Structure formats: structure tokens, C-alpha cells
């Protein structure tokens, strides 16, 4: 998103459009973190408790390592949020084109 925002700014995109792109970029960071947790955290099965856990390790400002229960409904919510974000990006793409900043017209 930041790359698209930079290109739109360089091509003379409106302040309103840049504001929307910057907000989408911020929102996308949180969503990307959630997606990455699902994709990259190893999944474990505890034979004693019969529970499925994720092995979570992060190093954002301090090291954290833990096994946390997996809530499938959170995963489903993340998939729905990714789908909604994709639709949001498509609308932003349409706004970029409407401003005359299409790939062929503005070097985007």
C-alpha cells in the first residue's frame, strides 16, 4: 500500500485520495499481522488436553513465546476482513483511475 500511495502522490493525486490510501495502509498493517499469525505460527496438538494450540513467538519491543489456543472463529473473521479489505482496495483503485492516474496515464 505504501508504494501505491507514494506513486499516487508523485503523480499528483488529490489530498482526499491520499488520506484514504494512508488510512487503508494503516488498517492493512493490522490485518497483515493477523494473517501472518495464522499462516506462520506453528500449530500444535496437545495429546494430554486434546487441544489445538499455536506456538506464538514475537519480538516486538520484547521477546514473547507462548502456546495459545486457536480460535477458529478468529481465523474466519480474519478471512472475512481480508476479503473486505480487498474490496476496499478495488474501490480505491477505481478512485485512482477516476482521478486520471491510471497506470498508462500517469506512470503508475
C-alpha atoms as a PDB file:
ATOM      1  CA  UNK A   1       0.000   0.000   0.000  1.00  0.00           C
ATOM      2  CA  UNK A   2       2.773   2.455   0.807  1.00  0.00           C
ATOM      3  CA  UNK A   3       4.211   2.022  -2.662  1.00  0.00           C
ATOM      4  CA  UNK A   4       0.866   2.740  -4.296  1.00  0.00           C
ATOM      5  CA  UNK A   5       0.385   5.764  -2.043  1.00  0.00           C
ATOM      6  CA  UNK A   6       3.807   7.105  -2.970  1.00  0.00           C
ATOM      7  CA  UNK A   7       3.118   6.698  -6.682  1.00  0.00           C
ATOM      8  CA  UNK A   8      -0.277   8.404  -6.390  1.00  0.00           C
ATOM      9  CA  UNK A   9       1.346  11.289  -4.512  1.00  0.00           C
ATOM     10  CA  UNK A  10       4.092  11.560  -7.123  1.00  0.00           C
ATOM     11  CA  UNK A  11       1.505  11.589  -9.888  1.00  0.00           C
ATOM     12  CA  UNK A  12      -0.426  14.442  -8.263  1.00  0.00           C
ATOM     13  CA  UNK A  13      -3.274  12.555  -6.568  1.00  0.00           C
ATOM     14  CA  UNK A  14      -5.719  14.616  -4.521  1.00  0.00           C
ATOM     15  CA  UNK A  15      -5.275  15.144  -0.786  1.00  0.00           C
ATOM     16  CA  UNK A  16      -8.562  13.315  -0.147  1.00  0.00           C
ATOM     17  CA  UNK A  17      -7.410  10.255  -2.079  1.00  0.00           C
ATOM     18  CA  UNK A  18      -4.016  10.264  -0.358  1.00  0.00           C
ATOM     19  CA  UNK A  19      -5.743  10.429   3.025  1.00  0.00           C
ATOM     20  CA  UNK A  20      -7.848   7.373   2.134  1.00  0.00           C
ATOM     21  CA  UNK A  21      -4.779   5.494   0.895  1.00  0.00           C
ATOM     22  CA  UNK A  22      -2.804   6.307   4.042  1.00  0.00           C
ATOM     23  CA  UNK A  23      -5.683   5.129   6.246  1.00  0.00           C
ATOM     24  CA  UNK A  24      -6.007   1.929   4.232  1.00  0.00           C
ATOM     25  CA  UNK A  25      -2.268   1.364   4.616  1.00  0.00           C
ATOM     26  CA  UNK A  26      -2.538   1.692   8.409  1.00  0.00           C
ATOM     27  CA  UNK A  27      -5.558  -0.619   8.516  1.00  0.00           C
ATOM     28  CA  UNK A  28      -3.803  -3.109   6.271  1.00  0.00           C
ATOM     29  CA  UNK A  29      -0.828  -3.394   8.633  1.00  0.00           C
ATOM     30  CA  UNK A  30      -3.014  -4.743  11.428  1.00  0.00           C
ATOM     31  CA  UNK A  31      -4.737  -7.132   9.054  1.00  0.00           C
ATOM     32  CA  UNK A  32      -1.393  -8.343   7.676  1.00  0.00           C
ATOM     33  CA  UNK A  33      -0.221  -9.108  11.209  1.00  0.00           C
ATOM     34  CA  UNK A  34      -3.329 -11.178  11.881  1.00  0.00           C
ATOM     35  CA  UNK A  35      -2.913 -13.036   8.598  1.00  0.00           C
ATOM     36  CA  UNK A  36       0.757 -13.713   9.262  1.00  0.00           C
ATOM     37  CA  UNK A  37      -0.048 -15.179  12.694  1.00  0.00           C
ATOM     38  CA  UNK A  38      -2.401 -17.670  11.025  1.00  0.00           C
ATOM     39  CA  UNK A  39      -0.021 -18.581   8.224  1.00  0.00           C
ATOM     40  CA  UNK A  40       3.311 -18.675  10.061  1.00  0.00           C
ATOM     41  CA  UNK A  41       2.638 -19.750  13.665  1.00  0.00           C
ATOM     42  CA  UNK A  42       3.262 -23.488  14.000  1.00  0.00           C
ATOM     43  CA  UNK A  43       0.139 -25.402  15.014  1.00  0.00           C
ATOM     44  CA  UNK A  44       0.467 -27.967  17.790  1.00  0.00           C
ATOM     45  CA  UNK A  45      -1.802 -30.666  19.144  1.00  0.00           C
ATOM     46  CA  UNK A  46      -1.595 -31.359  22.856  1.00  0.00           C
ATOM     47  CA  UNK A  47      -2.094 -35.093  23.336  1.00  0.00           C
ATOM     48  CA  UNK A  48      -2.959 -34.674  27.020  1.00  0.00           C
ATOM     49  CA  UNK A  49      -5.587 -31.943  26.694  1.00  0.00           C
ATOM     50  CA  UNK A  50      -6.637 -32.778  23.112  1.00  0.00           C
ATOM     51  CA  UNK A  51      -6.463 -29.066  22.293  1.00  0.00           C
ATOM     52  CA  UNK A  52      -5.034 -27.412  19.212  1.00  0.00           C
ATOM     53  CA  UNK A  53      -2.591 -24.618  20.030  1.00  0.00           C
ATOM     54  CA  UNK A  54      -0.466 -22.136  18.121  1.00  0.00           C
ATOM     55  CA  UNK A  55       3.162 -21.673  19.037  1.00  0.00           C
ATOM     56  CA  UNK A  56       3.463 -17.898  19.121  1.00  0.00           C
ATOM     57  CA  UNK A  57       6.784 -16.100  19.150  1.00  0.00           C
ATOM     58  CA  UNK A  58       7.122 -12.352  18.666  1.00  0.00           C
ATOM     59  CA  UNK A  59       9.879  -9.835  19.231  1.00  0.00           C
ATOM     60  CA  UNK A  60       8.026  -6.517  19.051  1.00  0.00           C
ATOM     61  CA  UNK A  61       9.929  -4.474  21.648  1.00  0.00           C
ATOM     62  CA  UNK A  62      10.315  -7.572  23.835  1.00  0.00           C
ATOM     63  CA  UNK A  63      10.566 -11.293  23.249  1.00  0.00           C
ATOM     64  CA  UNK A  64       7.390 -13.257  23.813  1.00  0.00           C
ATOM     65  CA  UNK A  65       6.982 -17.007  23.448  1.00  0.00           C
ATOM     66  CA  UNK A  66       3.826 -18.893  24.340  1.00  0.00           C
ATOM     67  CA  UNK A  67       1.390 -21.552  23.264  1.00  0.00           C
ATOM     68  CA  UNK A  68      -2.055 -20.110  22.758  1.00  0.00           C
ATOM     69  CA  UNK A  69      -5.352 -21.836  21.975  1.00  0.00           C
ATOM     70  CA  UNK A  70      -6.549 -21.492  18.415  1.00  0.00           C
ATOM     71  CA  UNK A  71      -9.968 -19.935  17.967  1.00  0.00           C
ATOM     72  CA  UNK A  72     -11.211 -20.900  14.516  1.00  0.00           C
ATOM     73  CA  UNK A  73     -13.818 -18.124  14.609  1.00  0.00           C
ATOM     74  CA  UNK A  74     -10.963 -15.572  14.828  1.00  0.00           C
ATOM     75  CA  UNK A  75      -9.399 -17.146  11.752  1.00  0.00           C
ATOM     76  CA  UNK A  76     -12.740 -16.940   9.951  1.00  0.00           C
ATOM     77  CA  UNK A  77     -13.098 -13.280  10.974  1.00  0.00           C
ATOM     78  CA  UNK A  78      -9.632 -12.603   9.554  1.00  0.00           C
ATOM     79  CA  UNK A  79     -10.540 -14.235   6.236  1.00  0.00           C
ATOM     80  CA  UNK A  80     -13.692 -12.089   6.040  1.00  0.00           C
ATOM     81  CA  UNK A  81     -11.685  -8.963   6.915  1.00  0.00           C
ATOM     82  CA  UNK A  82      -9.143  -9.746   4.185  1.00  0.00           C
ATOM     83  CA  UNK A  83     -11.966 -10.131   1.674  1.00  0.00           C
ATOM     84  CA  UNK A  84     -13.490  -6.796   2.750  1.00  0.00           C
ATOM     85  CA  UNK A  85     -10.071  -5.121   2.545  1.00  0.00           C
ATOM     86  CA  UNK A  86      -9.632  -6.451  -0.978  1.00  0.00           C
ATOM     87  CA  UNK A  87     -12.962  -4.879  -1.974  1.00  0.00           C
ATOM     88  CA  UNK A  88     -11.873  -1.619  -0.330  1.00  0.00           C
ATOM     89  CA  UNK A  89      -8.640  -1.684  -2.334  1.00  0.00           C
ATOM     90  CA  UNK A  90     -10.599  -2.252  -5.560  1.00  0.00           C
ATOM     91  CA  UNK A  91     -12.702   0.848  -4.781  1.00  0.00           C
ATOM     92  CA  UNK A  92      -9.510   2.833  -4.091  1.00  0.00           C
ATOM     93  CA  UNK A  93      -8.061   1.612  -7.379  1.00  0.00           C
ATOM     94  CA  UNK A  94     -11.195   2.877  -9.120  1.00  0.00           C
ATOM     95  CA  UNK A  95     -10.766   6.272  -7.419  1.00  0.00           C
ATOM     96  CA  UNK A  96      -7.147   6.410  -8.585  1.00  0.00           C
ATOM     97  CA  UNK A  97      -8.264   5.753 -12.155  1.00  0.00           C
ATOM     98  CA  UNK A  98     -11.117   8.284 -11.842  1.00  0.00           C
ATOM     99  CA  UNK A  99      -8.534  10.945 -10.978  1.00  0.00           C
ATOM    100  CA  UNK A 100      -6.806  10.205 -14.256  1.00  0.00           C
ATOM    101  CA  UNK A 101      -3.935   8.402 -12.561  1.00  0.00           C
ATOM    102  CA  UNK A 102      -4.283   5.134 -14.431  1.00  0.00           C
ATOM    103  CA  UNK A 103      -1.174   3.003 -14.993  1.00  0.00           C
ATOM    104  CA  UNK A 104      -0.967   4.057 -18.626  1.00  0.00           C
ATOM    105  CA  UNK A 105      -1.821   7.709 -17.989  1.00  0.00           C
ATOM    106  CA  UNK A 106       0.418   8.556 -15.072  1.00  0.00           C
ATOM    107  CA  UNK A 107       3.203   6.048 -14.948  1.00  0.00           C
ATOM    108  CA  UNK A 108       1.514   4.051 -12.174  1.00  0.00           C
END
